[in-house]
N, C-alpha and C. Protein backbone atom coordinates (compact mmCIF):
# COMPACT_ATOMS: atom_id res chain seq x y z
N MET A 1 126.13 39.97 98.96
CA MET A 1 124.99 40.37 98.16
C MET A 1 124.29 41.59 98.78
N ALA A 2 124.11 41.57 100.09
CA ALA A 2 123.43 42.67 100.77
C ALA A 2 124.23 43.96 100.65
N VAL A 3 125.55 43.87 100.75
CA VAL A 3 126.39 45.05 100.63
C VAL A 3 126.29 45.63 99.22
N THR A 4 126.27 44.82 98.23
CA THR A 4 126.13 45.27 96.85
C THR A 4 124.79 45.95 96.64
N LEU A 5 123.75 45.39 97.21
CA LEU A 5 122.43 45.98 97.10
C LEU A 5 122.38 47.35 97.77
N VAL A 6 122.97 47.47 98.96
CA VAL A 6 123.00 48.75 99.67
C VAL A 6 123.82 49.77 98.89
N LEU A 7 124.94 49.35 98.33
CA LEU A 7 125.78 50.26 97.55
C LEU A 7 125.09 50.73 96.27
N LEU A 8 124.16 49.97 95.76
CA LEU A 8 123.41 50.38 94.58
C LEU A 8 122.24 51.30 94.95
N ILE A 9 121.60 51.03 96.07
CA ILE A 9 120.43 51.80 96.46
C ILE A 9 120.80 53.11 97.16
N LEU A 10 121.88 53.15 97.91
CA LEU A 10 122.27 54.33 98.67
C LEU A 10 122.46 55.58 97.80
N PRO A 11 123.15 55.52 96.66
CA PRO A 11 123.26 56.72 95.83
C PRO A 11 121.90 57.23 95.33
N ILE A 12 121.00 56.33 95.04
CA ILE A 12 119.67 56.74 94.58
C ILE A 12 118.94 57.46 95.70
N ILE A 13 119.00 56.92 96.90
CA ILE A 13 118.35 57.56 98.04
C ILE A 13 118.96 58.93 98.31
N LEU A 14 120.26 59.04 98.25
CA LEU A 14 120.93 60.32 98.48
C LEU A 14 120.60 61.34 97.39
N TYR A 15 120.47 60.89 96.16
CA TYR A 15 120.10 61.79 95.06
C TYR A 15 118.68 62.32 95.26
N VAL A 16 117.76 61.45 95.62
CA VAL A 16 116.37 61.87 95.85
C VAL A 16 116.31 62.84 97.02
N LEU A 17 117.04 62.58 98.08
CA LEU A 17 117.07 63.48 99.23
C LEU A 17 117.65 64.84 98.85
N SER A 18 118.73 64.85 98.10
CA SER A 18 119.34 66.10 97.66
C SER A 18 118.39 66.90 96.78
N SER A 19 117.74 66.24 95.85
CA SER A 19 116.79 66.92 94.97
C SER A 19 115.62 67.50 95.76
N THR A 20 115.13 66.75 96.72
CA THR A 20 114.02 67.21 97.54
C THR A 20 114.41 68.43 98.35
N LEU A 21 115.57 68.40 98.96
CA LEU A 21 116.04 69.55 99.74
C LEU A 21 116.24 70.78 98.87
N SER A 22 116.71 70.60 97.67
CA SER A 22 116.88 71.72 96.74
C SER A 22 115.53 72.33 96.37
N ILE A 23 114.55 71.50 96.13
CA ILE A 23 113.20 71.99 95.79
C ILE A 23 112.60 72.73 96.98
N VAL A 24 112.78 72.22 98.17
CA VAL A 24 112.24 72.87 99.37
C VAL A 24 112.91 74.23 99.57
N LYS A 25 114.22 74.31 99.38
CA LYS A 25 114.93 75.58 99.54
C LYS A 25 114.42 76.61 98.53
N THR A 26 114.26 76.20 97.29
CA THR A 26 113.76 77.10 96.25
C THR A 26 112.35 77.57 96.57
N THR A 27 111.52 76.68 97.06
CA THR A 27 110.15 77.03 97.42
C THR A 27 110.13 78.03 98.55
N TYR A 28 110.95 77.82 99.58
CA TYR A 28 111.00 78.77 100.68
C TYR A 28 111.50 80.14 100.22
N THR A 29 112.49 80.16 99.34
CA THR A 29 113.00 81.42 98.82
C THR A 29 111.90 82.17 98.07
N HIS A 30 111.16 81.49 97.21
CA HIS A 30 110.06 82.13 96.48
C HIS A 30 108.98 82.61 97.43
N ASP A 31 108.71 81.85 98.48
CA ASP A 31 107.71 82.26 99.48
C ASP A 31 108.16 83.53 100.20
N TYR A 32 109.42 83.61 100.59
CA TYR A 32 109.92 84.82 101.26
C TYR A 32 109.85 86.03 100.34
N ILE A 33 110.18 85.83 99.07
CA ILE A 33 110.11 86.94 98.11
C ILE A 33 108.66 87.42 97.98
N LEU A 34 107.73 86.50 97.87
CA LEU A 34 106.32 86.86 97.77
C LEU A 34 105.84 87.59 99.03
N GLN A 35 106.20 87.07 100.20
CA GLN A 35 105.79 87.72 101.45
C GLN A 35 106.35 89.13 101.56
N ASP A 36 107.63 89.30 101.26
CA ASP A 36 108.24 90.63 101.35
C ASP A 36 107.62 91.58 100.34
N SER A 37 107.39 91.10 99.12
CA SER A 37 106.78 91.96 98.09
C SER A 37 105.39 92.42 98.53
N LEU A 38 104.61 91.52 99.05
CA LEU A 38 103.27 91.89 99.51
C LEU A 38 103.32 92.84 100.70
N SER A 39 104.29 92.66 101.59
CA SER A 39 104.38 93.57 102.73
C SER A 39 104.77 94.97 102.27
N TYR A 40 105.64 95.08 101.26
CA TYR A 40 106.00 96.40 100.73
C TYR A 40 104.81 97.04 100.01
N ILE A 41 104.01 96.24 99.29
CA ILE A 41 102.80 96.77 98.64
C ILE A 41 101.84 97.30 99.70
N GLU A 42 101.61 96.53 100.75
CA GLU A 42 100.68 96.95 101.80
C GLU A 42 101.20 98.19 102.53
N ALA A 43 102.50 98.27 102.76
CA ALA A 43 103.07 99.45 103.41
C ALA A 43 102.90 100.68 102.52
N GLY A 44 103.10 100.53 101.22
CA GLY A 44 102.91 101.64 100.29
C GLY A 44 101.46 102.10 100.23
N LYS A 45 100.53 101.14 100.26
CA LYS A 45 99.11 101.49 100.28
C LYS A 45 98.74 102.23 101.56
N ALA A 46 99.33 101.82 102.69
CA ALA A 46 99.06 102.49 103.96
C ALA A 46 99.58 103.92 103.95
N VAL A 47 100.78 104.12 103.37
CA VAL A 47 101.33 105.48 103.25
C VAL A 47 100.42 106.33 102.39
N TYR A 48 99.94 105.77 101.28
CA TYR A 48 99.05 106.52 100.39
C TYR A 48 97.73 106.85 101.07
N ASP A 49 97.18 105.89 101.80
CA ASP A 49 95.91 106.13 102.50
C ASP A 49 96.04 107.19 103.58
N SER A 50 97.24 107.35 104.13
CA SER A 50 97.43 108.37 105.17
C SER A 50 97.78 109.73 104.58
N GLY A 51 97.74 109.84 103.24
CA GLY A 51 97.94 111.13 102.60
C GLY A 51 99.29 111.34 101.96
N GLY A 52 100.18 110.38 102.03
CA GLY A 52 101.51 110.51 101.44
C GLY A 52 101.62 109.75 100.13
N ILE A 53 102.79 109.84 99.56
CA ILE A 53 103.11 109.08 98.35
C ILE A 53 104.19 108.07 98.74
N PRO A 54 104.02 106.79 98.37
CA PRO A 54 105.04 105.79 98.71
C PRO A 54 106.40 106.17 98.14
N THR A 55 107.44 105.84 98.88
CA THR A 55 108.79 106.16 98.43
C THR A 55 109.17 105.29 97.24
N THR A 56 110.06 105.81 96.43
CA THR A 56 110.58 105.03 95.31
C THR A 56 112.06 104.77 95.56
N GLY A 57 112.56 103.72 94.97
CA GLY A 57 113.97 103.41 95.12
C GLY A 57 114.18 101.95 95.45
N THR A 58 115.39 101.63 95.89
CA THR A 58 115.80 100.27 96.17
C THR A 58 115.79 100.02 97.67
N ILE A 59 115.30 98.85 98.04
CA ILE A 59 115.25 98.43 99.44
C ILE A 59 115.96 97.08 99.52
N SER A 60 116.89 96.94 100.45
CA SER A 60 117.51 95.63 100.61
C SER A 60 116.61 94.78 101.50
N SER A 61 116.60 93.49 101.26
CA SER A 61 115.76 92.58 102.04
C SER A 61 116.39 92.36 103.39
N SER A 62 115.77 92.91 104.43
CA SER A 62 116.32 92.75 105.77
C SER A 62 115.25 92.28 106.74
N ASN A 63 114.39 91.41 106.28
CA ASN A 63 113.31 90.92 107.13
C ASN A 63 113.68 89.63 107.84
N GLY A 64 114.96 89.39 108.05
CA GLY A 64 115.39 88.20 108.75
C GLY A 64 115.54 86.97 107.89
N HIS A 65 115.30 87.11 106.60
CA HIS A 65 115.46 85.97 105.70
C HIS A 65 116.89 85.96 105.18
N ASN A 66 117.32 84.83 104.72
CA ASN A 66 118.64 84.71 104.13
C ASN A 66 118.56 84.98 102.63
N LEU A 67 118.18 86.21 102.30
CA LEU A 67 118.04 86.60 100.90
C LEU A 67 118.97 87.77 100.61
N SER A 68 120.23 87.62 100.92
CA SER A 68 121.16 88.74 100.82
C SER A 68 121.33 89.25 99.40
N ASN A 69 121.11 88.42 98.40
CA ASN A 69 121.28 88.86 97.03
C ASN A 69 119.99 89.42 96.42
N ILE A 70 118.90 89.43 97.17
CA ILE A 70 117.62 89.94 96.68
C ILE A 70 117.45 91.38 97.16
N THR A 71 117.14 92.27 96.22
CA THR A 71 116.78 93.64 96.58
C THR A 71 115.39 93.91 96.01
N PHE A 72 114.74 94.88 96.60
CA PHE A 72 113.40 95.23 96.16
C PHE A 72 113.41 96.67 95.66
N LYS A 73 112.77 96.89 94.52
CA LYS A 73 112.66 98.23 93.95
C LYS A 73 111.20 98.64 93.97
N GLN A 74 110.96 99.85 94.45
CA GLN A 74 109.61 100.40 94.47
C GLN A 74 109.56 101.57 93.52
N SER A 75 108.45 101.72 92.82
CA SER A 75 108.27 102.86 91.94
C SER A 75 106.79 103.22 91.86
N VAL A 76 106.55 104.49 91.60
CA VAL A 76 105.19 105.00 91.43
C VAL A 76 105.13 105.67 90.07
N THR A 77 104.19 105.24 89.25
CA THR A 77 104.00 105.85 87.94
C THR A 77 102.56 106.31 87.80
N GLU A 78 102.38 107.36 87.04
CA GLU A 78 101.04 107.86 86.78
C GLU A 78 100.56 107.28 85.47
N GLU A 79 99.35 106.74 85.47
CA GLU A 79 98.77 106.15 84.27
C GLU A 79 97.36 106.71 84.06
N VAL A 80 96.94 106.69 82.83
CA VAL A 80 95.59 107.13 82.50
C VAL A 80 94.80 105.90 82.09
N VAL A 81 93.75 105.60 82.85
CA VAL A 81 92.89 104.46 82.57
C VAL A 81 91.47 104.98 82.36
N ASN A 82 90.95 104.77 81.18
CA ASN A 82 89.61 105.25 80.82
C ASN A 82 89.47 106.75 81.07
N GLY A 83 90.51 107.49 80.76
CA GLY A 83 90.47 108.93 80.89
C GLY A 83 90.70 109.45 82.30
N VAL A 84 90.95 108.56 83.25
CA VAL A 84 91.18 108.95 84.64
C VAL A 84 92.64 108.73 84.98
N SER A 85 93.28 109.74 85.54
CA SER A 85 94.68 109.64 85.92
C SER A 85 94.78 109.01 87.31
N ILE A 86 95.46 107.86 87.39
CA ILE A 86 95.65 107.19 88.67
C ILE A 86 97.11 106.78 88.81
N LEU A 87 97.50 106.45 90.02
CA LEU A 87 98.88 106.04 90.29
C LEU A 87 98.97 104.52 90.36
N ARG A 88 100.04 103.99 89.79
CA ARG A 88 100.34 102.56 89.90
C ARG A 88 101.59 102.44 90.77
N PHE A 89 101.48 101.65 91.82
CA PHE A 89 102.60 101.39 92.72
C PHE A 89 103.15 100.01 92.40
N ILE A 90 104.44 99.94 92.08
CA ILE A 90 105.08 98.70 91.62
C ILE A 90 106.19 98.32 92.58
N VAL A 91 106.24 97.04 92.94
CA VAL A 91 107.34 96.48 93.73
C VAL A 91 107.94 95.34 92.92
N GLN A 92 109.26 95.41 92.72
CA GLN A 92 109.98 94.37 91.98
C GLN A 92 111.01 93.72 92.90
N ALA A 93 111.11 92.40 92.84
CA ALA A 93 112.17 91.67 93.51
C ALA A 93 113.26 91.41 92.48
N VAL A 94 114.47 91.85 92.78
CA VAL A 94 115.58 91.76 91.83
C VAL A 94 116.67 90.88 92.43
N ASP A 95 117.09 89.88 91.67
CA ASP A 95 118.15 88.96 92.08
C ASP A 95 119.33 89.13 91.14
N ASN A 96 120.38 89.76 91.62
CA ASN A 96 121.60 89.99 90.84
C ASN A 96 121.29 90.68 89.51
N GLY A 97 120.45 91.70 89.54
CA GLY A 97 120.14 92.49 88.36
C GLY A 97 119.01 91.97 87.50
N VAL A 98 118.44 90.82 87.85
CA VAL A 98 117.36 90.22 87.08
C VAL A 98 116.08 90.27 87.91
N THR A 99 115.01 90.81 87.34
CA THR A 99 113.73 90.86 88.04
C THR A 99 113.15 89.46 88.10
N VAL A 100 112.95 88.95 89.33
CA VAL A 100 112.41 87.61 89.49
C VAL A 100 110.94 87.62 89.89
N TYR A 101 110.45 88.76 90.36
CA TYR A 101 109.04 88.86 90.74
C TYR A 101 108.63 90.32 90.69
N GLU A 102 107.41 90.57 90.23
CA GLU A 102 106.89 91.93 90.18
C GLU A 102 105.42 91.91 90.52
N ILE A 103 105.02 92.85 91.35
CA ILE A 103 103.62 93.00 91.72
C ILE A 103 103.30 94.48 91.72
N SER A 104 102.09 94.81 91.31
CA SER A 104 101.69 96.22 91.29
C SER A 104 100.24 96.35 91.69
N THR A 105 99.88 97.56 92.09
CA THR A 105 98.51 97.86 92.45
C THR A 105 98.22 99.30 92.06
N PHE A 106 96.97 99.57 91.79
CA PHE A 106 96.56 100.94 91.54
C PHE A 106 96.23 101.59 92.86
N LEU A 107 96.65 102.84 93.03
CA LEU A 107 96.32 103.60 94.21
C LEU A 107 95.15 104.49 93.87
N GLY A 108 94.06 104.27 94.54
CA GLY A 108 92.83 105.00 94.24
C GLY A 108 92.84 106.40 94.81
N SER A 109 91.69 107.01 94.77
CA SER A 109 91.55 108.37 95.28
C SER A 109 91.79 108.38 96.77
N SER A 110 92.58 109.34 97.21
CA SER A 110 92.85 109.49 98.63
C SER A 110 91.66 110.22 99.26
N TYR A 111 91.24 109.75 100.39
CA TYR A 111 90.09 110.34 101.07
C TYR A 111 90.50 111.43 102.04
N HIS A 112 91.78 111.80 102.08
CA HIS A 112 92.26 112.81 103.02
C HIS A 112 92.52 114.10 102.34
C-alpha cells in the first residue's frame, strides 16, 4: 500500500518541482533582460550628458548572463513634442528576431 501511495504522489511532486524551476528560470531571464536594458539606457544618458550622442545599432548581451540568444538594439530618433524637438533614446531586447522588451527615454537639453 505504501509503495502504491509513493508511486502516485512522486509524479505529482516531480511535476510541481519542474514547473517551479521553469517559472524561476523564466523570471531570472526577464530580470536579466530588464537589468541589461536599464544599464544600456543609463549608459546612453551618460554619453548624452557628457556631450555625445548614444550609439545606435545592435549589442550582444555579454554581461555574464546566459542570454546568448538575446541581443539589444539601440536607436536615437528625433521627435517633436509640443513644438520642441527632442531626442528619444530606445533600447530593445530582441530574442530570435522578436522584440521581447523595449524601454525608451527622452534626452533633454545638454548643458555642455
